[in-house]
Amino acid sequence: MEILNPPQAHEPWNKGKLVGQKAPLKLKVIWAIRVRLQLGHKIRDLALFNLAIDSKLRACDLVKLRVSDVTHGGQMACRAMVLQQKTGRPVQFEITQVTRETVHAWIKYVSLSSSDYLFPSRVADSPHLPTRQYARIVRRWVEDAGLETGSYGTHTMRRTKASLIYRRTRNLRAVQLLLGHTKLESTVRYLGSEVDDALEIARQTDV
């Protein structure tokens, strides 16, 4: 009797690799990238960039967003909720006016329906933008901004707004909720240069 090998699960690209913490983007870099994408008429990339910043989602969750996740009754929503693949827990995020405008422009440009993936794949073997392709897109943004590519990646997009919010509020618990982390330690790691301050606050608020 022939024994069939079970299908191999797709392994994360960074499994077994030592990957350094990726730096968040500064405000001036965010706007520089936006302007460059606008001038280049990169409608998809501009929507993807803005939504990545606003949502703070992991790459695997960002690329699987559907139009229905960010719209209600054909109109762009001000807030969205997504079930995270890694934790199975829901997380909410605000969609700013700038992001709503660019995402709406993208939806109209490619005539997406409510059930469609927001960022369809351009290759046949994936219905939505693959995470590897998203990583290459982020690398291109970083290169065009004149930044060191080794210091930035897809987690840069997830960390950027979280870091900005923490610097303004110093509210570690709020950032934990926004990122959908189950452990406070995970949030601390995302704060980069603020890690010492965050650890001190974590000790003070531990119950």
C-alpha atoms as a PDB file:
ATOM      1  CA  MET A   1       0.000   0.000   0.000  1.00  0.00           C
ATOM      2  CA  GLU A   2       1.433   3.324  -1.050  1.00  0.00           C
ATOM      3  CA  ILE A   3       1.791   5.880   1.730  1.00  0.00           C
ATOM      4  CA  LEU A   4       1.228   9.381   0.515  1.00  0.00           C
ATOM      5  CA  ASN A   5       3.314  12.148   1.995  1.00  0.00           C
ATOM      6  CA  PRO A   6       1.180  14.774   3.735  1.00  0.00           C
ATOM      7  CA  PRO A   7       1.187  18.217   2.142  1.00  0.00           C
ATOM      8  CA  GLN A   8       4.005  20.384   3.396  1.00  0.00           C
ATOM      9  CA  ALA A   9       2.944  23.473   5.306  1.00  0.00           C
ATOM     10  CA  HIS A  10       4.337  26.722   4.010  1.00  0.00           C
ATOM     11  CA  GLU A  11       7.208  27.797   6.238  1.00  0.00           C
ATOM     12  CA  PRO A  12       7.714  31.440   7.246  1.00  0.00           C
ATOM     13  CA  TRP A  13      10.442  33.089   5.166  1.00  0.00           C
ATOM     14  CA  ASN A  14      12.428  33.921   8.315  1.00  0.00           C
ATOM     15  CA  LYS A  15      12.270  30.490   9.974  1.00  0.00           C
ATOM     16  CA  GLY A  16      15.686  29.568  11.359  1.00  0.00           C
ATOM     17  CA  LYS A  17      17.136  32.966  10.502  1.00  0.00           C
ATOM     18  CA  LEU A  18      18.325  35.665  12.836  1.00  0.00           C
ATOM     19  CA  VAL A  19      16.363  38.729  11.864  1.00  0.00           C
ATOM     20  CA  GLY A  20      17.121  42.070  13.506  1.00  0.00           C
ATOM     21  CA  GLN A  21      14.443  44.391  14.759  1.00  0.00           C
ATOM     22  CA  LYS A  22      13.216  46.607  11.949  1.00  0.00           C
ATOM     23  CA  ALA A  23      13.120  50.340  12.544  1.00  0.00           C
ATOM     24  CA  PRO A  24       9.881  52.334  12.249  1.00  0.00           C
ATOM     25  CA  LEU A  25       9.611  55.135   9.704  1.00  0.00           C
ATOM     26  CA  LYS A  26       9.872  58.751  10.764  1.00  0.00           C
ATOM     27  CA  LEU A  27       7.133  61.200   9.812  1.00  0.00           C
ATOM     28  CA  LYS A  28       9.258  62.994   7.220  1.00  0.00           C
ATOM     29  CA  VAL A  29      10.030  59.662   5.537  1.00  0.00           C
ATOM     30  CA  ILE A  30       6.349  58.678   5.534  1.00  0.00           C
ATOM     31  CA  TRP A  31       5.442  61.871   3.703  1.00  0.00           C
ATOM     32  CA  ALA A  32       8.419  61.589   1.351  1.00  0.00           C
ATOM     33  CA  ILE A  33       7.288  58.099   0.290  1.00  0.00           C
ATOM     34  CA  ARG A  34       3.682  59.265  -0.108  1.00  0.00           C
ATOM     35  CA  VAL A  35       4.707  62.176  -2.317  1.00  0.00           C
ATOM     36  CA  ARG A  36       6.921  59.928  -4.456  1.00  0.00           C
ATOM     37  CA  LEU A  37       4.097  57.420  -4.938  1.00  0.00           C
ATOM     38  CA  GLN A  38       1.637  60.216  -5.771  1.00  0.00           C
ATOM     39  CA  LEU A  39       3.966  61.758  -8.346  1.00  0.00           C
ATOM     40  CA  GLY A  40       4.547  58.329  -9.872  1.00  0.00           C
ATOM     41  CA  HIS A  41       0.783  57.680 -10.047  1.00  0.00           C
ATOM     42  CA  LYS A  42       1.292  54.442  -8.090  1.00  0.00           C
ATOM     43  CA  ILE A  43      -2.342  54.073  -7.074  1.00  0.00           C
ATOM     44  CA  ARG A  44      -2.084  50.570  -5.639  1.00  0.00           C
ATOM     45  CA  ASP A  45       1.183  51.164  -3.813  1.00  0.00           C
ATOM     46  CA  LEU A  46      -0.088  54.404  -2.282  1.00  0.00           C
ATOM     47  CA  ALA A  47      -3.213  52.664  -0.974  1.00  0.00           C
ATOM     48  CA  LEU A  48      -1.130  49.729   0.273  1.00  0.00           C
ATOM     49  CA  PHE A  49       1.395  52.001   1.983  1.00  0.00           C
ATOM     50  CA  ASN A  50      -1.216  54.123   3.742  1.00  0.00           C
ATOM     51  CA  LEU A  51      -3.277  51.146   4.852  1.00  0.00           C
ATOM     52  CA  ALA A  52      -0.184  49.313   6.120  1.00  0.00           C
ATOM     53  CA  ILE A  53       0.674  52.331   8.294  1.00  0.00           C
ATOM     54  CA  ASP A  54      -2.880  52.807   9.599  1.00  0.00           C
ATOM     55  CA  SER A  55      -3.755  49.161  10.195  1.00  0.00           C
ATOM     56  CA  LYS A  56      -0.539  48.091  11.939  1.00  0.00           C
ATOM     57  CA  LEU A  57      -1.320  44.595  10.646  1.00  0.00           C
ATOM     58  CA  ARG A  58       1.160  41.807  10.104  1.00  0.00           C
ATOM     59  CA  ALA A  59       1.939  41.180   6.430  1.00  0.00           C
ATOM     60  CA  CYS A  60      -0.084  37.937   6.399  1.00  0.00           C
ATOM     61  CA  ASP A  61      -3.200  39.809   7.565  1.00  0.00           C
ATOM     62  CA  LEU A  62      -2.695  42.931   5.459  1.00  0.00           C
ATOM     63  CA  VAL A  63      -2.476  41.100   2.127  1.00  0.00           C
ATOM     64  CA  LYS A  64      -5.649  39.108   2.895  1.00  0.00           C
ATOM     65  CA  LEU A  65      -7.858  42.133   3.493  1.00  0.00           C
ATOM     66  CA  ARG A  66     -11.004  42.181   1.387  1.00  0.00           C
ATOM     67  CA  VAL A  67     -12.884  45.224   0.176  1.00  0.00           C
ATOM     68  CA  SER A  68     -15.676  44.377   2.627  1.00  0.00           C
ATOM     69  CA  ASP A  69     -13.208  44.697   5.523  1.00  0.00           C
ATOM     70  CA  VAL A  70     -12.703  48.414   4.917  1.00  0.00           C
ATOM     71  CA  THR A  71     -16.054  49.460   3.426  1.00  0.00           C
ATOM     72  CA  HIS A  72     -19.673  49.569   4.577  1.00  0.00           C
ATOM     73  CA  GLY A  73     -22.466  49.905   2.048  1.00  0.00           C
ATOM     74  CA  GLY A  74     -20.047  50.924  -0.664  1.00  0.00           C
ATOM     75  CA  GLN A  75     -18.525  53.673   1.467  1.00  0.00           C
ATOM     76  CA  MET A  76     -15.104  53.677   3.063  1.00  0.00           C
ATOM     77  CA  ALA A  77     -15.250  52.898   6.780  1.00  0.00           C
ATOM     78  CA  CYS A  78     -13.553  55.001   9.444  1.00  0.00           C
ATOM     79  CA  ARG A  79     -12.740  51.881  11.462  1.00  0.00           C
ATOM     80  CA  ALA A  80     -12.159  48.225  10.644  1.00  0.00           C
ATOM     81  CA  MET A  81     -11.869  44.984  12.586  1.00  0.00           C
ATOM     82  CA  VAL A  82      -9.786  42.029  11.440  1.00  0.00           C
ATOM     83  CA  LEU A  83      -9.271  38.548  12.869  1.00  0.00           C
ATOM     84  CA  GLN A  84      -5.532  38.004  13.195  1.00  0.00           C
ATOM     85  CA  GLN A  85      -4.132  34.871  11.619  1.00  0.00           C
ATOM     86  CA  LYS A  86      -1.358  34.429  14.203  1.00  0.00           C
ATOM     87  CA  THR A  87      -3.414  34.810  17.384  1.00  0.00           C
ATOM     88  CA  GLY A  88      -6.971  34.191  16.219  1.00  0.00           C
ATOM     89  CA  ARG A  89      -7.962  37.353  18.089  1.00  0.00           C
ATOM     90  CA  PRO A  90      -9.735  40.366  16.563  1.00  0.00           C
ATOM     91  CA  VAL A  91      -7.994  43.712  16.333  1.00  0.00           C
ATOM     92  CA  GLN A  92      -9.453  47.109  15.420  1.00  0.00           C
ATOM     93  CA  PHE A  93      -7.823  50.012  13.640  1.00  0.00           C
ATOM     94  CA  GLU A  94      -8.764  53.490  12.530  1.00  0.00           C
ATOM     95  CA  ILE A  95      -8.642  54.394   8.833  1.00  0.00           C
ATOM     96  CA  THR A  96      -7.566  58.006   8.435  1.00  0.00           C
ATOM     97  CA  GLN A  97      -8.976  60.379   5.834  1.00  0.00           C
ATOM     98  CA  VAL A  98      -5.802  60.208   3.728  1.00  0.00           C
ATOM     99  CA  THR A  99      -5.956  56.415   3.696  1.00  0.00           C
ATOM    100  CA  ARG A 100      -9.684  56.299   2.958  1.00  0.00           C
ATOM    101  CA  GLU A 101      -9.185  58.528  -0.085  1.00  0.00           C
ATOM    102  CA  THR A 102      -6.296  56.507  -1.516  1.00  0.00           C
ATOM    103  CA  VAL A 103      -7.899  53.104  -0.856  1.00  0.00           C
ATOM    104  CA  HIS A 104     -11.188  54.291  -2.381  1.00  0.00           C
ATOM    105  CA  ALA A 105      -9.292  55.525  -5.452  1.00  0.00           C
ATOM    106  CA  TRP A 106      -7.661  52.090  -5.804  1.00  0.00           C
ATOM    107  CA  ILE A 107     -10.969  50.234  -5.447  1.00  0.00           C
ATOM    108  CA  LYS A 108     -12.511  52.389  -8.188  1.00  0.00           C
ATOM    109  CA  TYR A 109      -9.446  52.172 -10.418  1.00  0.00           C
ATOM    110  CA  VAL A 110      -9.574  48.364 -10.632  1.00  0.00           C
ATOM    111  CA  SER A 111     -13.356  48.045 -10.140  1.00  0.00           C
ATOM    112  CA  LEU A 112     -13.163  45.752  -7.131  1.00  0.00           C
ATOM    113  CA  SER A 113     -16.345  44.244  -5.700  1.00  0.00           C
ATOM    114  CA  SER A 114     -17.121  43.882  -2.002  1.00  0.00           C
ATOM    115  CA  SER A 115     -15.983  40.242  -1.841  1.00  0.00           C
ATOM    116  CA  ASP A 116     -12.711  40.805  -3.727  1.00  0.00           C
ATOM    117  CA  TYR A 117      -9.323  40.857  -2.092  1.00  0.00           C
ATOM    118  CA  LEU A 118      -8.284  44.461  -1.690  1.00  0.00           C
ATOM    119  CA  PHE A 119      -4.876  43.793  -3.232  1.00  0.00           C
ATOM    120  CA  PRO A 120      -5.313  41.035  -5.854  1.00  0.00           C
ATOM    121  CA  SER A 121      -2.296  39.067  -6.954  1.00  0.00           C
ATOM    122  CA  ARG A 122      -0.755  39.604 -10.364  1.00  0.00           C
ATOM    123  CA  VAL A 123       0.435  35.983 -10.453  1.00  0.00           C
ATOM    124  CA  ALA A 124      -1.744  32.948 -11.068  1.00  0.00           C
ATOM    125  CA  ASP A 125      -0.873  30.896  -7.979  1.00  0.00           C
ATOM    126  CA  SER A 126      -2.201  33.352  -5.395  1.00  0.00           C
ATOM    127  CA  PRO A 127      -5.590  35.105  -5.179  1.00  0.00           C
ATOM    128  CA  HIS A 128      -4.117  38.006  -3.217  1.00  0.00           C
ATOM    129  CA  LEU A 129      -0.797  39.819  -3.031  1.00  0.00           C
ATOM    130  CA  PRO A 130       1.745  37.300  -1.653  1.00  0.00           C
ATOM    131  CA  THR A 131       3.666  38.292   1.464  1.00  0.00           C
ATOM    132  CA  ARG A 132       6.961  37.852  -0.380  1.00  0.00           C
ATOM    133  CA  GLN A 133       5.837  40.294  -3.046  1.00  0.00           C
ATOM    134  CA  TYR A 134       4.697  42.715  -0.349  1.00  0.00           C
ATOM    135  CA  ALA A 135       8.164  42.448   1.217  1.00  0.00           C
ATOM    136  CA  ARG A 136       9.742  43.327  -2.142  1.00  0.00           C
ATOM    137  CA  ILE A 137       7.421  46.325  -2.487  1.00  0.00           C
ATOM    138  CA  VAL A 138       8.381  47.572   0.985  1.00  0.00           C
ATOM    139  CA  ARG A 139      12.051  47.144   0.090  1.00  0.00           C
ATOM    140  CA  ARG A 140      11.521  49.282  -3.005  1.00  0.00           C
ATOM    141  CA  TRP A 141       9.868  52.026  -0.936  1.00  0.00           C
ATOM    142  CA  VAL A 142      12.808  51.969   1.463  1.00  0.00           C
ATOM    143  CA  GLU A 143      15.382  52.067  -1.327  1.00  0.00           C
ATOM    144  CA  ASP A 144      13.628  54.948  -3.071  1.00  0.00           C
ATOM    145  CA  ALA A 145      13.577  56.864   0.219  1.00  0.00           C
ATOM    146  CA  GLY A 146      17.355  56.498   0.457  1.00  0.00           C
ATOM    147  CA  LEU A 147      17.244  54.307   3.569  1.00  0.00           C
ATOM    148  CA  GLU A 148      19.361  51.277   4.444  1.00  0.00           C
ATOM    149  CA  THR A 149      17.277  48.295   3.332  1.00  0.00           C
ATOM    150  CA  GLY A 150      18.713  45.982   5.972  1.00  0.00           C
ATOM    151  CA  SER A 151      17.249  48.122   8.751  1.00  0.00           C
ATOM    152  CA  TYR A 152      13.673  48.183   7.409  1.00  0.00           C
ATOM    153  CA  GLY A 153      11.099  45.608   6.332  1.00  0.00           C
ATOM    154  CA  THR A 154       7.433  44.648   6.506  1.00  0.00           C
ATOM    155  CA  HIS A 155       7.512  44.877  10.302  1.00  0.00           C
ATOM    156  CA  THR A 156       8.574  48.485   9.831  1.00  0.00           C
ATOM    157  CA  MET A 157       5.106  49.184   8.488  1.00  0.00           C
ATOM    158  CA  ARG A 158       3.514  47.458  11.481  1.00  0.00           C
ATOM    159  CA  ARG A 159       5.690  49.268  14.009  1.00  0.00           C
ATOM    160  CA  THR A 160       5.601  52.787  12.578  1.00  0.00           C
ATOM    161  CA  LYS A 161       2.271  54.097  13.840  1.00  0.00           C
ATOM    162  CA  ALA A 162       2.547  52.145  17.080  1.00  0.00           C
ATOM    163  CA  SER A 163       5.832  53.907  17.814  1.00  0.00           C
ATOM    164  CA  LEU A 164       4.394  57.314  16.936  1.00  0.00           C
ATOM    165  CA  ILE A 165       1.366  56.736  19.174  1.00  0.00           C
ATOM    166  CA  TYR A 166       3.537  55.599  22.069  1.00  0.00           C
ATOM    167  CA  ARG A 167       5.799  58.648  21.809  1.00  0.00           C
ATOM    168  CA  ARG A 168       2.737  60.899  21.995  1.00  0.00           C
ATOM    169  CA  THR A 169       0.817  59.088  24.731  1.00  0.00           C
ATOM    170  CA  ARG A 170       3.309  56.919  26.661  1.00  0.00           C
ATOM    171  CA  ASN A 171       0.353  54.543  26.995  1.00  0.00           C
ATOM    172  CA  LEU A 172       1.806  51.071  26.699  1.00  0.00           C
ATOM    173  CA  ARG A 173      -1.492  49.258  27.283  1.00  0.00           C
ATOM    174  CA  ALA A 174      -3.201  51.228  24.512  1.00  0.00           C
ATOM    175  CA  VAL A 175      -0.458  50.330  22.037  1.00  0.00           C
ATOM    176  CA  GLN A 176      -0.745  46.683  23.096  1.00  0.00           C
ATOM    177  CA  LEU A 177      -4.449  46.739  22.192  1.00  0.00           C
ATOM    178  CA  LEU A 178      -3.829  48.511  18.893  1.00  0.00           C
ATOM    179  CA  LEU A 179      -1.279  45.894  17.862  1.00  0.00           C
ATOM    180  CA  GLY A 180      -3.439  43.026  19.067  1.00  0.00           C
ATOM    181  CA  HIS A 181      -0.653  41.596  21.212  1.00  0.00           C
ATOM    182  CA  THR A 182      -1.547  39.011  23.847  1.00  0.00           C
ATOM    183  CA  LYS A 183       1.619  39.734  25.847  1.00  0.00           C
ATOM    184  CA  LEU A 184       2.914  43.113  26.949  1.00  0.00           C
ATOM    185  CA  GLU A 185       6.468  41.957  26.275  1.00  0.00           C
ATOM    186  CA  SER A 186       5.672  41.730  22.566  1.00  0.00           C
ATOM    187  CA  THR A 187       4.551  45.351  22.587  1.00  0.00           C
ATOM    188  CA  VAL A 188       7.724  46.401  24.387  1.00  0.00           C
ATOM    189  CA  ARG A 189       9.846  44.810  21.649  1.00  0.00           C
ATOM    190  CA  TYR A 190       7.976  46.841  19.039  1.00  0.00           C
ATOM    191  CA  LEU A 191       8.852  50.154  20.609  1.00  0.00           C
ATOM    192  CA  GLY A 192      12.466  50.151  19.485  1.00  0.00           C
ATOM    193  CA  SER A 193      14.327  53.128  20.925  1.00  0.00           C
ATOM    194  CA  GLU A 194      11.601  53.515  23.577  1.00  0.00           C
ATOM    195  CA  VAL A 195      12.219  50.044  25.002  1.00  0.00           C
ATOM    196  CA  ASP A 196      13.845  51.142  28.286  1.00  0.00           C
ATOM    197  CA  ASP A 197      11.042  53.574  29.019  1.00  0.00           C
ATOM    198  CA  ALA A 198       8.467  50.950  28.076  1.00  0.00           C
ATOM    199  CA  LEU A 199      10.030  48.336  30.359  1.00  0.00           C
ATOM    200  CA  GLU A 200       9.934  50.747  33.263  1.00  0.00           C
ATOM    201  CA  ILE A 201       6.248  51.467  32.633  1.00  0.00           C
ATOM    202  CA  ALA A 202       5.560  47.745  32.292  1.00  0.00           C
ATOM    203  CA  ARG A 203       7.086  47.123  35.709  1.00  0.00           C
ATOM    204  CA  GLN A 204       5.029  49.921  37.238  1.00  0.00           C
ATOM    205  CA  THR A 205       1.762  48.658  35.757  1.00  0.00           C
ATOM    206  CA  ASP A 206       2.308  44.941  36.306  1.00  0.00           C
ATOM    207  CA  VAL A 207      -0.519  43.361  38.339  1.00  0.00           C
END
